[in-house]
Amino acid sequence: MNGVDPYAYMQQVAMRMNQLNNRNEIETVLDELEYLFEIIPPELQDNAEKLIAMLRDKLRDASQ
């Protein structure tokens, strides 16, 4: 994810959230966000945490 704009990426994820239904796709986006969380400035981490929590919920629901 070198050279990725964290603002833009999180906005993309938020806009696609309703379209993410496939377990593999959810896991991929979740992995990318968790990686991004480690390198983004602290002021972005709250928003990233919210998206990560939403993706974890979707992943749990997709597993049932």
N, C-alpha and C. Protein backbone atom coordinates (compact mmCIF):
# COMPACT_ATOMS: atom_id res chain seq x y z
N MET A 1 0.82 -1.19 0.00
CA MET A 1 0.00 0.00 0.00
C MET A 1 0.86 1.25 0.00
N ASN A 2 2.03 1.12 -0.53
CA ASN A 2 2.95 2.24 -0.60
C ASN A 2 2.37 3.33 -1.50
N GLY A 3 2.37 4.57 -1.00
CA GLY A 3 1.87 5.68 -1.79
C GLY A 3 0.36 5.85 -1.75
N VAL A 4 -0.31 5.14 -0.88
CA VAL A 4 -1.76 5.22 -0.77
C VAL A 4 -2.14 6.43 0.08
N ASP A 5 -3.12 7.18 -0.37
CA ASP A 5 -3.66 8.29 0.41
C ASP A 5 -4.65 7.72 1.42
N PRO A 6 -4.33 7.73 2.71
CA PRO A 6 -5.21 7.10 3.71
C PRO A 6 -6.61 7.71 3.74
N TYR A 7 -6.71 9.02 3.53
CA TYR A 7 -8.03 9.66 3.51
C TYR A 7 -8.88 9.08 2.38
N ALA A 8 -8.28 9.03 1.21
CA ALA A 8 -9.01 8.55 0.03
C ALA A 8 -9.38 7.07 0.17
N TYR A 9 -8.44 6.27 0.70
CA TYR A 9 -8.71 4.84 0.83
C TYR A 9 -9.85 4.59 1.81
N MET A 10 -9.82 5.27 2.95
CA MET A 10 -10.89 5.07 3.94
C MET A 10 -12.23 5.56 3.38
N GLN A 11 -12.20 6.62 2.60
CA GLN A 11 -13.44 7.10 1.97
C GLN A 11 -13.97 6.06 0.98
N GLN A 12 -13.07 5.45 0.21
CA GLN A 12 -13.48 4.40 -0.73
C GLN A 12 -14.13 3.23 0.01
N VAL A 13 -13.50 2.82 1.10
CA VAL A 13 -14.03 1.70 1.88
C VAL A 13 -15.41 2.05 2.43
N ALA A 14 -15.55 3.24 2.97
CA ALA A 14 -16.85 3.66 3.52
C ALA A 14 -17.91 3.67 2.44
N MET A 15 -17.56 4.12 1.25
CA MET A 15 -18.54 4.19 0.16
C MET A 15 -18.90 2.79 -0.35
N ARG A 16 -17.99 1.84 -0.25
CA ARG A 16 -18.23 0.47 -0.74
C ARG A 16 -18.76 -0.48 0.33
N MET A 17 -18.89 0.01 1.55
CA MET A 17 -19.24 -0.86 2.68
C MET A 17 -20.47 -1.73 2.39
N ASN A 18 -21.50 -1.16 1.84
CA ASN A 18 -22.73 -1.93 1.56
C ASN A 18 -22.54 -2.97 0.48
N GLN A 19 -21.53 -2.80 -0.36
CA GLN A 19 -21.28 -3.74 -1.45
C GLN A 19 -20.38 -4.89 -1.04
N LEU A 20 -19.74 -4.77 0.10
CA LEU A 20 -18.83 -5.81 0.57
C LEU A 20 -19.64 -6.90 1.27
N ASN A 21 -19.82 -8.00 0.58
CA ASN A 21 -20.59 -9.12 1.13
C ASN A 21 -19.83 -10.43 1.08
N ASN A 22 -18.87 -10.52 0.19
CA ASN A 22 -18.08 -11.72 0.02
C ASN A 22 -17.01 -11.80 1.11
N ARG A 23 -16.93 -12.94 1.78
CA ARG A 23 -16.00 -13.11 2.89
C ARG A 23 -14.56 -12.79 2.49
N ASN A 24 -14.11 -13.26 1.35
CA ASN A 24 -12.73 -13.01 0.92
C ASN A 24 -12.48 -11.53 0.68
N GLU A 25 -13.44 -10.87 0.09
CA GLU A 25 -13.31 -9.44 -0.18
C GLU A 25 -13.27 -8.65 1.14
N ILE A 26 -14.13 -9.01 2.06
CA ILE A 26 -14.16 -8.34 3.36
C ILE A 26 -12.83 -8.53 4.07
N GLU A 27 -12.31 -9.77 4.06
CA GLU A 27 -11.03 -10.05 4.71
C GLU A 27 -9.89 -9.24 4.09
N THR A 28 -9.89 -9.11 2.77
CA THR A 28 -8.85 -8.36 2.08
C THR A 28 -8.88 -6.89 2.50
N VAL A 29 -10.06 -6.30 2.47
CA VAL A 29 -10.19 -4.89 2.84
C VAL A 29 -9.86 -4.70 4.32
N LEU A 30 -10.28 -5.63 5.16
CA LEU A 30 -9.97 -5.56 6.60
C LEU A 30 -8.46 -5.63 6.82
N ASP A 31 -7.78 -6.53 6.14
CA ASP A 31 -6.33 -6.64 6.26
C ASP A 31 -5.65 -5.34 5.84
N GLU A 32 -6.12 -4.77 4.74
CA GLU A 32 -5.53 -3.52 4.24
C GLU A 32 -5.74 -2.38 5.23
N LEU A 33 -6.94 -2.30 5.81
CA LEU A 33 -7.21 -1.25 6.78
C LEU A 33 -6.41 -1.44 8.06
N GLU A 34 -6.27 -2.67 8.50
CA GLU A 34 -5.49 -2.93 9.71
C GLU A 34 -4.02 -2.56 9.50
N TYR A 35 -3.50 -2.82 8.31
CA TYR A 35 -2.13 -2.41 7.98
C TYR A 35 -2.05 -0.88 7.96
N LEU A 36 -2.99 -0.27 7.30
CA LEU A 36 -3.02 1.19 7.19
C LEU A 36 -3.10 1.83 8.57
N PHE A 37 -3.86 1.22 9.47
CA PHE A 37 -4.01 1.73 10.83
C PHE A 37 -2.66 1.90 11.51
N GLU A 38 -1.75 0.98 11.24
CA GLU A 38 -0.44 1.00 11.88
C GLU A 38 0.44 2.15 11.40
N ILE A 39 0.15 2.69 10.21
CA ILE A 39 1.05 3.70 9.64
C ILE A 39 0.41 5.08 9.51
N ILE A 40 -0.87 5.20 9.80
CA ILE A 40 -1.53 6.50 9.64
C ILE A 40 -1.33 7.36 10.89
N PRO A 41 -1.47 8.67 10.71
CA PRO A 41 -1.36 9.57 11.87
C PRO A 41 -2.49 9.30 12.87
N PRO A 42 -2.22 9.58 14.14
CA PRO A 42 -3.22 9.32 15.19
C PRO A 42 -4.58 9.98 14.94
N GLU A 43 -4.61 11.13 14.30
CA GLU A 43 -5.89 11.81 14.06
C GLU A 43 -6.79 11.06 13.09
N LEU A 44 -6.25 10.12 12.35
CA LEU A 44 -7.07 9.31 11.43
C LEU A 44 -7.47 7.97 12.04
N GLN A 45 -6.87 7.62 13.14
CA GLN A 45 -7.09 6.29 13.70
C GLN A 45 -8.52 6.07 14.19
N ASP A 46 -9.19 7.10 14.70
CA ASP A 46 -10.57 6.92 15.15
C ASP A 46 -11.47 6.49 13.99
N ASN A 47 -11.34 7.15 12.86
CA ASN A 47 -12.15 6.78 11.70
C ASN A 47 -11.79 5.39 11.19
N ALA A 48 -10.51 5.07 11.21
CA ALA A 48 -10.09 3.74 10.78
C ALA A 48 -10.65 2.67 11.71
N GLU A 49 -10.65 2.95 13.02
CA GLU A 49 -11.19 2.00 13.99
C GLU A 49 -12.67 1.73 13.74
N LYS A 50 -13.41 2.76 13.39
CA LYS A 50 -14.84 2.59 13.10
C LYS A 50 -15.04 1.70 11.88
N LEU A 51 -14.26 1.94 10.83
CA LEU A 51 -14.38 1.11 9.63
C LEU A 51 -13.97 -0.32 9.91
N ILE A 52 -12.92 -0.50 10.68
CA ILE A 52 -12.46 -1.85 11.03
C ILE A 52 -13.54 -2.59 11.81
N ALA A 53 -14.17 -1.92 12.76
CA ALA A 53 -15.24 -2.55 13.54
C ALA A 53 -16.41 -2.94 12.64
N MET A 54 -16.76 -2.07 11.71
CA MET A 54 -17.86 -2.37 10.78
C MET A 54 -17.50 -3.57 9.91
N LEU A 55 -16.27 -3.64 9.44
CA LEU A 55 -15.85 -4.77 8.62
C LEU A 55 -15.82 -6.07 9.42
N ARG A 56 -15.40 -6.00 10.66
CA ARG A 56 -15.41 -7.20 11.51
C ARG A 56 -16.83 -7.71 11.72
N ASP A 57 -17.78 -6.79 11.90
CA ASP A 57 -19.19 -7.17 12.03
C ASP A 57 -19.68 -7.84 10.74
N LYS A 58 -19.32 -7.25 9.61
CA LYS A 58 -19.73 -7.83 8.32
C LYS A 58 -19.12 -9.21 8.14
N LEU A 59 -17.88 -9.36 8.54
CA LEU A 59 -17.20 -10.64 8.42
C LEU A 59 -17.87 -11.69 9.29
N ARG A 60 -18.21 -11.30 10.50
CA ARG A 60 -18.92 -12.21 11.41
C ARG A 60 -20.26 -12.63 10.80
N ASP A 61 -20.99 -11.66 10.25
CA ASP A 61 -22.28 -11.95 9.65
C ASP A 61 -22.14 -12.83 8.41
N ALA A 62 -21.07 -12.63 7.65
CA ALA A 62 -20.84 -13.42 6.44
C ALA A 62 -20.48 -14.86 6.78
N SER A 63 -19.97 -15.07 7.99
CA SER A 63 -19.56 -16.41 8.42
C SER A 63 -20.74 -17.26 8.88
N GLN A 64 -21.87 -16.62 9.13
CA GLN A 64 -23.02 -17.35 9.67
C GLN A 64 -23.87 -17.94 8.58
